[in-house]
Amino acid sequence: MASEAPSWADQWGAGGIGAMGEEDNTNKTKKDSSSSNKKADGLTKAKAAAMASAHKIKSGTSNGIKWIKNQCQKKGSSK
């Protein structure tokens, strides 16, 4: 082995092999703010969907328990 391969840190760390030059910070902040808004919108939609699903599960469970109670009461009163 005449030369060793560069380490992971050398390849992927700041200033390593294939490092990108400095970018304009104004474009980066615009991209970050739009992506964070998209993430916030997505989280809001996911939260709304989860709340709606939880409400459906809660009401369905409640209706199922009421139905079971009614069935048990009908069997008990017919004896």
PDB file of N, CA and C in Angstrom:
ATOM      1  N   MET A   1       0.830  -1.170   0.000  1.00  0.00           N
ATOM      2  CA  MET A   1       0.000   0.000   0.000  1.00  0.00           C
ATOM      3  C   MET A   1       0.883   1.245   0.000  1.00  0.00           C
ATOM      4  N   ALA A   2       0.925   1.891  -1.109  1.00  0.00           N
ATOM      5  CA  ALA A   2       1.744   3.087  -1.212  1.00  0.00           C
ATOM      6  C   ALA A   2       1.084   4.282  -0.536  1.00  0.00           C
ATOM      7  N   SER A   3      -0.235   4.389  -0.670  1.00  0.00           N
ATOM      8  CA  SER A   3      -0.937   5.507  -0.018  1.00  0.00           C
ATOM      9  C   SER A   3      -2.218   4.982   0.606  1.00  0.00           C
ATOM     10  N   GLU A   4      -2.557   5.521   1.757  1.00  0.00           N
ATOM     11  CA  GLU A   4      -3.791   5.121   2.434  1.00  0.00           C
ATOM     12  C   GLU A   4      -4.960   5.922   1.881  1.00  0.00           C
ATOM     13  N   ALA A   5      -6.129   5.323   1.913  1.00  0.00           N
ATOM     14  CA  ALA A   5      -7.328   6.036   1.497  1.00  0.00           C
ATOM     15  C   ALA A   5      -7.690   7.075   2.550  1.00  0.00           C
ATOM     16  N   PRO A   6      -8.288   8.188   2.141  1.00  0.00           N
ATOM     17  CA  PRO A   6      -8.677   9.203   3.117  1.00  0.00           C
ATOM     18  C   PRO A   6      -9.757   8.665   4.051  1.00  0.00           C
ATOM     19  N   SER A   7      -9.748   9.157   5.278  1.00  0.00           N
ATOM     20  CA  SER A   7     -10.741   8.700   6.249  1.00  0.00           C
ATOM     21  C   SER A   7     -12.113   9.263   5.899  1.00  0.00           C
ATOM     22  N   TRP A   8     -13.108   8.755   6.619  1.00  0.00           N
ATOM     23  CA  TRP A   8     -14.476   9.223   6.395  1.00  0.00           C
ATOM     24  C   TRP A   8     -14.571  10.718   6.664  1.00  0.00           C
ATOM     25  N   ALA A   9     -13.964  11.182   7.740  1.00  0.00           N
ATOM     26  CA  ALA A   9     -14.016  12.603   8.092  1.00  0.00           C
ATOM     27  C   ALA A   9     -13.335  13.456   7.032  1.00  0.00           C
ATOM     28  N   ASP A  10     -12.249  12.945   6.461  1.00  0.00           N
ATOM     29  CA  ASP A  10     -11.567  13.689   5.419  1.00  0.00           C
ATOM     30  C   ASP A  10     -12.433  13.804   4.167  1.00  0.00           C
ATOM     31  N   GLN A  11     -13.169  12.762   3.868  1.00  0.00           N
ATOM     32  CA  GLN A  11     -13.989  12.768   2.661  1.00  0.00           C
ATOM     33  C   GLN A  11     -15.239  13.615   2.821  1.00  0.00           C
ATOM     34  N   TRP A  12     -15.923  13.488   3.965  1.00  0.00           N
ATOM     35  CA  TRP A  12     -17.247  14.083   4.112  1.00  0.00           C
ATOM     36  C   TRP A  12     -17.281  15.268   5.067  1.00  0.00           C
ATOM     37  N   GLY A  13     -16.237  15.505   5.805  1.00  0.00           N
ATOM     38  CA  GLY A  13     -16.200  16.636   6.722  1.00  0.00           C
ATOM     39  C   GLY A  13     -16.099  17.950   5.972  1.00  0.00           C
ATOM     40  N   ALA A  14     -16.150  19.049   6.696  1.00  0.00           N
ATOM     41  CA  ALA A  14     -16.048  20.370   6.075  1.00  0.00           C
ATOM     42  C   ALA A  14     -14.695  20.506   5.390  1.00  0.00           C
ATOM     43  N   GLY A  15     -14.718  20.853   4.129  1.00  0.00           N
ATOM     44  CA  GLY A  15     -13.478  21.058   3.387  1.00  0.00           C
ATOM     45  C   GLY A  15     -12.843  19.776   2.904  1.00  0.00           C
ATOM     46  N   GLY A  16     -13.556  18.654   2.945  1.00  0.00           N
ATOM     47  CA  GLY A  16     -13.004  17.383   2.500  1.00  0.00           C
ATOM     48  C   GLY A  16     -13.028  17.269   0.988  1.00  0.00           C
ATOM     49  N   ILE A  17     -12.858  16.059   0.518  1.00  0.00           N
ATOM     50  CA  ILE A  17     -12.846  15.799  -0.915  1.00  0.00           C
ATOM     51  C   ILE A  17     -14.214  16.174  -1.484  1.00  0.00           C
ATOM     52  N   GLY A  18     -14.234  16.966  -2.518  1.00  0.00           N
ATOM     53  CA  GLY A  18     -15.474  17.345  -3.172  1.00  0.00           C
ATOM     54  C   GLY A  18     -16.294  18.344  -2.374  1.00  0.00           C
ATOM     55  N   ALA A  19     -15.668  19.089  -1.484  1.00  0.00           N
ATOM     56  CA  ALA A  19     -16.403  20.065  -0.681  1.00  0.00           C
ATOM     57  C   ALA A  19     -16.938  21.167  -1.570  1.00  0.00           C
ATOM     58  N   MET A  20     -18.124  21.616  -1.246  1.00  0.00           N
ATOM     59  CA  MET A  20     -18.750  22.687  -2.001  1.00  0.00           C
ATOM     60  C   MET A  20     -18.202  24.017  -1.510  1.00  0.00           C
ATOM     61  N   GLY A  21     -18.169  24.998  -2.394  1.00  0.00           N
ATOM     62  CA  GLY A  21     -17.727  26.335  -2.030  1.00  0.00           C
ATOM     63  C   GLY A  21     -18.787  27.017  -1.176  1.00  0.00           C
ATOM     64  N   GLU A  22     -18.463  28.181  -0.672  1.00  0.00           N
ATOM     65  CA  GLU A  22     -19.402  28.946   0.138  1.00  0.00           C
ATOM     66  C   GLU A  22     -20.592  29.349  -0.718  1.00  0.00           C
ATOM     67  N   GLU A  23     -21.796  29.200  -0.157  1.00  0.00           N
ATOM     68  CA  GLU A  23     -23.002  29.584  -0.874  1.00  0.00           C
ATOM     69  C   GLU A  23     -23.469  30.940  -0.389  1.00  0.00           C
ATOM     70  N   ASP A  24     -24.302  31.572  -1.187  1.00  0.00           N
ATOM     71  CA  ASP A  24     -24.881  32.850  -0.795  1.00  0.00           C
ATOM     72  C   ASP A  24     -25.924  32.588   0.285  1.00  0.00           C
ATOM     73  N   ASN A  25     -25.782  33.201   1.432  1.00  0.00           N
ATOM     74  CA  ASN A  25     -26.676  32.947   2.563  1.00  0.00           C
ATOM     75  C   ASN A  25     -28.086  33.455   2.332  1.00  0.00           C
ATOM     76  N   THR A  26     -28.308  34.433   1.468  1.00  0.00           N
ATOM     77  CA  THR A  26     -29.650  34.964   1.247  1.00  0.00           C
ATOM     78  C   THR A  26     -30.529  33.914   0.579  1.00  0.00           C
ATOM     79  N   ASN A  27     -30.012  33.170  -0.366  1.00  0.00           N
ATOM     80  CA  ASN A  27     -30.794  32.121  -1.017  1.00  0.00           C
ATOM     81  C   ASN A  27     -31.078  30.987  -0.048  1.00  0.00           C
ATOM     82  N   LYS A  28     -30.130  30.686   0.796  1.00  0.00           N
ATOM     83  CA  LYS A  28     -30.294  29.580   1.734  1.00  0.00           C
ATOM     84  C   LYS A  28     -31.394  29.880   2.749  1.00  0.00           C
ATOM     85  N   THR A  29     -31.461  31.116   3.240  1.00  0.00           N
ATOM     86  CA  THR A  29     -32.492  31.452   4.222  1.00  0.00           C
ATOM     87  C   THR A  29     -33.863  31.424   3.590  1.00  0.00           C
ATOM     88  N   LYS A  30     -33.966  31.811   2.341  1.00  0.00           N
ATOM     89  CA  LYS A  30     -35.266  31.743   1.667  1.00  0.00           C
ATOM     90  C   LYS A  30     -35.705  30.299   1.522  1.00  0.00           C
ATOM     91  N   LYS A  31     -34.786  29.415   1.174  1.00  0.00           N
ATOM     92  CA  LYS A  31     -35.119  28.000   1.029  1.00  0.00           C
ATOM     93  C   LYS A  31     -35.514  27.403   2.376  1.00  0.00           C
ATOM     94  N   ASP A  32     -34.778  27.756   3.424  1.00  0.00           N
ATOM     95  CA  ASP A  32     -35.077  27.224   4.748  1.00  0.00           C
ATOM     96  C   ASP A  32     -36.450  27.668   5.231  1.00  0.00           C
ATOM     97  N   SER A  33     -36.805  28.936   5.012  1.00  0.00           N
ATOM     98  CA  SER A  33     -38.089  29.427   5.501  1.00  0.00           C
ATOM     99  C   SER A  33     -39.236  28.793   4.733  1.00  0.00           C
ATOM    100  N   SER A  34     -39.087  28.576   3.427  1.00  0.00           N
ATOM    101  CA  SER A  34     -40.168  27.965   2.668  1.00  0.00           C
ATOM    102  C   SER A  34     -40.313  26.490   3.031  1.00  0.00           C
ATOM    103  N   SER A  35     -39.200  25.825   3.277  1.00  0.00           N
ATOM    104  CA  SER A  35     -39.297  24.415   3.645  1.00  0.00           C
ATOM    105  C   SER A  35     -39.866  24.263   5.050  1.00  0.00           C
ATOM    106  N   SER A  36     -39.540  25.198   5.949  1.00  0.00           N
ATOM    107  CA  SER A  36     -40.108  25.109   7.301  1.00  0.00           C
ATOM    108  C   SER A  36     -41.596  25.398   7.268  1.00  0.00           C
ATOM    109  N   ASN A  37     -42.043  26.293   6.384  1.00  0.00           N
ATOM    110  CA  ASN A  37     -43.473  26.545   6.249  1.00  0.00           C
ATOM    111  C   ASN A  37     -44.186  25.309   5.712  1.00  0.00           C
ATOM    112  N   LYS A  38     -43.552  24.620   4.770  1.00  0.00           N
ATOM    113  CA  LYS A  38     -44.146  23.400   4.228  1.00  0.00           C
ATOM    114  C   LYS A  38     -44.230  22.327   5.305  1.00  0.00           C
ATOM    115  N   LYS A  39     -43.176  22.244   6.129  1.00  0.00           N
ATOM    116  CA  LYS A  39     -43.190  21.268   7.214  1.00  0.00           C
ATOM    117  C   LYS A  39     -44.279  21.601   8.218  1.00  0.00           C
ATOM    118  N   ALA A  40     -44.437  22.889   8.528  1.00  0.00           N
ATOM    119  CA  ALA A  40     -45.463  23.304   9.485  1.00  0.00           C
ATOM    120  C   ALA A  40     -46.849  23.009   8.931  1.00  0.00           C
ATOM    121  N   ASP A  41     -47.060  23.259   7.643  1.00  0.00           N
ATOM    122  CA  ASP A  41     -48.345  22.957   7.023  1.00  0.00           C
ATOM    123  C   ASP A  41     -48.618  21.461   7.055  1.00  0.00           C
ATOM    124  N   GLY A  42     -47.590  20.680   6.759  1.00  0.00           N
ATOM    125  CA  GLY A  42     -47.746  19.231   6.770  1.00  0.00           C
ATOM    126  C   GLY A  42     -48.050  18.714   8.162  1.00  0.00           C
ATOM    127  N   LEU A  43     -47.374  19.271   9.165  1.00  0.00           N
ATOM    128  CA  LEU A  43     -47.630  18.855  10.544  1.00  0.00           C
ATOM    129  C   LEU A  43     -49.031  19.251  10.984  1.00  0.00           C
ATOM    130  N   THR A  44     -49.481  20.427  10.557  1.00  0.00           N
ATOM    131  CA  THR A  44     -50.832  20.871  10.899  1.00  0.00           C
ATOM    132  C   THR A  44     -51.869  19.936  10.296  1.00  0.00           C
ATOM    133  N   LYS A  45     -51.659  19.566   9.049  1.00  0.00           N
ATOM    134  CA  LYS A  45     -52.592  18.658   8.381  1.00  0.00           C
ATOM    135  C   LYS A  45     -52.571  17.280   9.035  1.00  0.00           C
ATOM    136  N   ALA A  46     -51.393  16.806   9.392  1.00  0.00           N
ATOM    137  CA  ALA A  46     -51.277  15.499  10.030  1.00  0.00           C
ATOM    138  C   ALA A  46     -51.945  15.507  11.399  1.00  0.00           C
ATOM    139  N   LYS A  47     -51.776  16.600  12.123  1.00  0.00           N
ATOM    140  CA  LYS A  47     -52.394  16.711  13.445  1.00  0.00           C
ATOM    141  C   LYS A  47     -53.913  16.732  13.320  1.00  0.00           C
ATOM    142  N   ALA A  48     -54.431  17.456  12.333  1.00  0.00           N
ATOM    143  CA  ALA A  48     -55.873  17.508  12.122  1.00  0.00           C
ATOM    144  C   ALA A  48     -56.423  16.134  11.750  1.00  0.00           C
ATOM    145  N   ALA A  49     -55.700  15.417  10.903  1.00  0.00           N
ATOM    146  CA  ALA A  49     -56.136  14.077  10.505  1.00  0.00           C
ATOM    147  C   ALA A  49     -56.104  13.124  11.695  1.00  0.00           C
ATOM    148  N   ALA A  50     -55.075  13.239  12.531  1.00  0.00           N
ATOM    149  CA  ALA A  50     -54.973  12.381  13.708  1.00  0.00           C
ATOM    150  C   ALA A  50     -56.098  12.680  14.694  1.00  0.00           C
ATOM    151  N   MET A  51     -56.429  13.934  14.865  1.00  0.00           N
ATOM    152  CA  MET A  51     -57.511  14.308  15.783  1.00  0.00           C
ATOM    153  C   MET A  51     -58.853  13.784  15.271  1.00  0.00           C
ATOM    154  N   ALA A  52     -59.082  13.894  13.972  1.00  0.00           N
ATOM    155  CA  ALA A  52     -60.329  13.397  13.395  1.00  0.00           C
ATOM    156  C   ALA A  52     -60.414  11.878  13.552  1.00  0.00           C
ATOM    157  N   SER A  53     -59.313  11.191  13.317  1.00  0.00           N
ATOM    158  CA  SER A  53     -59.301   9.733  13.468  1.00  0.00           C
ATOM    159  C   SER A  53     -59.529   9.324  14.915  1.00  0.00           C
ATOM    160  N   ALA A  54     -58.914  10.049  15.839  1.00  0.00           N
ATOM    161  CA  ALA A  54     -59.091   9.739  17.257  1.00  0.00           C
ATOM    162  C   ALA A  54     -60.543   9.942  17.669  1.00  0.00           C
ATOM    163  N   HIS A  55     -61.176  10.986  17.142  1.00  0.00           N
ATOM    164  CA  HIS A  55     -62.587  11.235  17.461  1.00  0.00           C
ATOM    165  C   HIS A  55     -63.474  10.107  16.924  1.00  0.00           C
ATOM    166  N   LYS A  56     -63.184   9.649  15.704  1.00  0.00           N
ATOM    167  CA  LYS A  56     -63.950   8.553  15.116  1.00  0.00           C
ATOM    168  C   LYS A  56     -63.783   7.270  15.927  1.00  0.00           C
ATOM    169  N   ILE A  57     -62.573   6.998  16.359  1.00  0.00           N
ATOM    170  CA  ILE A  57     -62.319   5.790  17.148  1.00  0.00           C
ATOM    171  C   ILE A  57     -63.053   5.874  18.481  1.00  0.00           C
ATOM    172  N   LYS A  58     -63.002   7.048  19.114  1.00  0.00           N
ATOM    173  CA  LYS A  58     -63.653   7.233  20.409  1.00  0.00           C
ATOM    174  C   LYS A  58     -65.165   7.063  20.294  1.00  0.00           C
ATOM    175  N   SER A  59     -65.765   7.669  19.269  1.00  0.00           N
ATOM    176  CA  SER A  59     -67.213   7.562  19.119  1.00  0.00           C
ATOM    177  C   SER A  59     -67.613   6.141  18.718  1.00  0.00           C
ATOM    178  N   GLY A  60     -66.814   5.492  17.892  1.00  0.00           N
ATOM    179  CA  GLY A  60     -67.121   4.116  17.497  1.00  0.00           C
ATOM    180  C   GLY A  60     -67.036   3.164  18.674  1.00  0.00           C
ATOM    181  N   THR A  61     -66.041   3.349  19.518  1.00  0.00           N
ATOM    182  CA  THR A  61     -65.898   2.514  20.707  1.00  0.00           C
ATOM    183  C   THR A  61     -67.069   2.735  21.652  1.00  0.00           C
ATOM    184  N   SER A  62     -67.451   3.989  21.817  1.00  0.00           N
ATOM    185  CA  SER A  62     -68.579   4.315  22.692  1.00  0.00           C
ATOM    186  C   SER A  62     -69.865   3.663  22.191  1.00  0.00           C
ATOM    187  N   ASN A  63     -70.096   3.767  20.887  1.00  0.00           N
ATOM    188  CA  ASN A  63     -71.297   3.143  20.306  1.00  0.00           C
ATOM    189  C   ASN A  63     -71.257   1.625  20.448  1.00  0.00           C
ATOM    190  N   GLY A  64     -70.083   1.027  20.289  1.00  0.00           N
ATOM    191  CA  GLY A  64     -69.956  -0.426  20.438  1.00  0.00           C
ATOM    192  C   GLY A  64     -70.236  -0.872  21.850  1.00  0.00           C
ATOM    193  N   ILE A  65     -69.744  -0.132  22.824  1.00  0.00           N
ATOM    194  CA  ILE A  65     -69.995  -0.489  24.227  1.00  0.00           C
ATOM    195  C   ILE A  65     -71.475  -0.358  24.546  1.00  0.00           C
ATOM    196  N   LYS A  66     -72.114   0.694  24.051  1.00  0.00           N
ATOM    197  CA  LYS A  66     -73.566   0.869  24.274  1.00  0.00           C
ATOM    198  C   LYS A  66     -74.348  -0.294  23.662  1.00  0.00           C
ATOM    199  N   TRP A  67     -73.941  -0.726  22.466  1.00  0.00           N
ATOM    200  CA  TRP A  67     -74.628  -1.824  21.800  1.00  0.00           C
ATOM    201  C   TRP A  67     -74.493  -3.114  22.613  1.00  0.00           C
ATOM    202  N   ILE A  68     -73.277  -3.366  23.122  1.00  0.00           N
ATOM    203  CA  ILE A  68     -73.045  -4.566  23.933  1.00  0.00           C
ATOM    204  C   ILE A  68     -73.887  -4.521  25.201  1.00  0.00           C
ATOM    205  N   LYS A  69     -73.946  -3.364  25.852  1.00  0.00           N
ATOM    206  CA  LYS A  69     -74.763  -3.225  27.064  1.00  0.00           C
ATOM    207  C   LYS A  69     -76.227  -3.504  26.756  1.00  0.00           C
ATOM    208  N   ASN A  70     -76.729  -2.980  25.645  1.00  0.00           N
ATOM    209  CA  ASN A  70     -78.123  -3.217  25.261  1.00  0.00           C
ATOM    210  C   ASN A  70     -78.377  -4.695  25.002  1.00  0.00           C
ATOM    211  N   GLN A  71     -77.417  -5.369  24.359  1.00  0.00           N
ATOM    212  CA  GLN A  71     -77.582  -6.792  24.074  1.00  0.00           C
ATOM    213  C   GLN A  71     -77.614  -7.604  25.365  1.00  0.00           C
ATOM    214  N   CYS A  72     -76.756  -7.236  26.296  1.00  0.00           N
ATOM    215  CA  CYS A  72     -76.733  -7.947  27.572  1.00  0.00           C
ATOM    216  C   CYS A  72     -78.006  -7.714  28.369  1.00  0.00           C
ATOM    217  N   GLN A  73     -78.543  -6.515  28.341  1.00  0.00           N
ATOM    218  CA  GLN A  73     -79.767  -6.187  29.051  1.00  0.00           C
ATOM    219  C   GLN A  73     -80.963  -6.914  28.445  1.00  0.00           C
ATOM    220  N   LYS A  74     -81.001  -7.061  27.127  1.00  0.00           N
ATOM    221  CA  LYS A  74     -82.081  -7.768  26.466  1.00  0.00           C
ATOM    222  C   LYS A  74     -82.078  -9.245  26.869  1.00  0.00           C
ATOM    223  N   LYS A  75     -80.892  -9.840  26.931  1.00  0.00           N
ATOM    224  CA  LYS A  75     -80.798 -11.255  27.312  1.00  0.00           C
ATOM    225  C   LYS A  75     -81.174 -11.443  28.767  1.00  0.00           C
ATOM    226  N   GLY A  76     -80.801 -10.515  29.609  1.00  0.00           N
ATOM    227  CA  GLY A  76     -81.096 -10.631  31.037  1.00  0.00           C
ATOM    228  C   GLY A  76     -82.578 -10.450  31.340  1.00  0.00           C
ATOM    229  N   SER A  77     -83.276  -9.610  30.600  1.00  0.00           N
ATOM    230  CA  SER A  77     -84.689  -9.348  30.866  1.00  0.00           C
ATOM    231  C   SER A  77     -85.583 -10.440  30.300  1.00  0.00           C
ATOM    232  N   SER A  78     -85.126 -11.234  29.347  1.00  0.00           N
ATOM    233  CA  SER A  78     -85.968 -12.270  28.736  1.00  0.00           C
ATOM    234  C   SER A  78     -86.019 -13.546  29.589  1.00  0.00           C
ATOM    235  N   LYS A  79     -85.166 -13.678  30.596  1.00  0.00           N
ATOM    236  CA  LYS A  79     -85.143 -14.900  31.425  1.00  0.00           C
ATOM    237  C   LYS A  79     -86.283 -14.969  32.349  1.00  0.00           C
TER     238      LYS A  79
END
